[in-house]
Amino acid sequence: MVPAFSVSVVVVAHRAGAALGRCLDSLERQDGELEILVVDNGAAGGEIEEAAAGRRVRLVGMGENLGLAGGRQRRAGGLHA
């Protein structure tokens, strides 16, 4: 059973660097039941995994860079079917 969240946030990341860590820090400080999905849009070198380590986020791997819209639509749209 998928838990009920007030808000689902989809962060599509590709070569995000330190900005992803700052983004996740900010999201984790928000009140309420927040689901955080980080879509790895073909990033290399483990930067996505490193930024997400120890956080309450769900990683979704794309395997290739589909662009911002492609990352949102292809993965986020099918997660709660």
Protein backbone atom coordinates (compact mmCIF):
# COMPACT_ATOMS: atom_id res chain seq x y z
CA MET A 1 0.00 0.00 0.00
CA VAL A 2 1.34 3.42 -0.95
CA PRO A 3 1.30 5.87 1.99
CA ALA A 4 -0.89 8.95 1.65
CA PHE A 5 1.11 12.13 1.24
CA SER A 6 -0.16 15.70 1.23
CA VAL A 7 2.27 16.69 -1.50
CA SER A 8 4.56 14.82 -3.87
CA VAL A 9 7.60 16.72 -5.14
CA VAL A 10 9.44 15.48 -8.22
CA VAL A 11 13.01 16.75 -8.59
CA VAL A 12 14.51 15.90 -11.98
CA ALA A 13 18.29 16.03 -11.66
CA HIS A 14 21.07 15.97 -14.24
CA ARG A 15 24.49 17.38 -13.35
CA ALA A 16 22.87 19.12 -10.39
CA GLY A 17 25.96 19.18 -8.19
CA ALA A 18 25.66 20.94 -4.83
CA ALA A 19 22.35 22.54 -5.87
CA LEU A 20 20.60 19.19 -5.45
CA GLY A 21 21.78 18.90 -1.85
CA ARG A 22 20.54 22.42 -1.09
CA CYS A 23 17.20 21.64 -2.76
CA LEU A 24 16.75 18.47 -0.70
CA ASP A 25 17.75 20.32 2.49
CA SER A 26 15.02 22.87 1.84
CA LEU A 27 12.39 20.25 1.03
CA GLU A 28 13.15 18.28 4.19
CA ARG A 29 12.56 21.39 6.31
CA GLN A 30 8.97 21.71 5.08
CA ASP A 31 6.03 20.81 7.31
CA GLY A 32 3.53 18.09 6.48
CA GLU A 33 3.69 14.72 4.84
CA LEU A 34 5.95 15.32 1.87
CA GLU A 35 6.96 12.66 -0.63
CA ILE A 36 10.24 13.55 -2.34
CA LEU A 37 11.09 11.77 -5.59
CA VAL A 38 14.49 12.41 -7.14
CA VAL A 39 14.61 11.40 -10.79
CA ASP A 40 18.16 10.65 -11.92
CA ASN A 41 17.96 11.88 -15.50
CA GLY A 42 21.10 10.19 -16.74
CA ALA A 43 23.62 11.80 -14.38
CA ALA A 44 27.02 10.12 -14.12
CA GLY A 45 29.44 9.72 -11.26
CA GLY A 46 27.04 8.97 -8.41
CA GLU A 47 26.27 12.61 -7.56
CA ILE A 48 22.53 11.90 -7.25
CA GLU A 49 23.04 8.95 -4.91
CA GLU A 50 25.52 10.94 -2.85
CA ALA A 51 23.14 13.89 -2.41
CA ALA A 52 20.24 11.56 -1.51
CA ALA A 53 22.18 9.39 0.96
CA GLY A 54 20.63 9.39 4.42
CA ARG A 55 17.60 11.40 3.34
CA ARG A 56 13.91 10.50 3.16
CA VAL A 57 13.79 10.54 -0.63
CA ARG A 58 12.90 7.96 -3.25
CA LEU A 59 15.41 7.63 -6.08
CA VAL A 60 14.13 6.86 -9.55
CA GLY A 61 16.70 5.99 -12.22
CA MET A 62 16.10 6.89 -15.86
CA GLY A 63 19.24 5.47 -17.41
CA GLU A 64 19.38 8.30 -19.94
CA ASN A 65 18.75 12.03 -20.16
CA LEU A 66 15.21 12.59 -21.40
CA GLY A 67 15.13 16.28 -20.56
CA LEU A 68 13.08 17.93 -17.83
CA ALA A 69 9.64 17.15 -19.24
CA GLY A 70 10.61 13.61 -20.20
CA GLY A 71 11.98 12.92 -16.73
CA ARG A 72 8.78 14.13 -15.10
CA GLN A 73 6.36 12.40 -17.43
CA ARG A 74 7.99 9.04 -17.97
CA ARG A 75 8.76 8.25 -14.35
CA ALA A 76 6.58 10.34 -12.07
CA GLY A 77 3.46 9.62 -14.07
CA GLY A 78 3.82 5.88 -13.59
CA LEU A 79 4.83 5.71 -9.94
CA HIS A 80 1.38 5.70 -8.37
CA ALA A 81 -0.59 3.59 -10.80
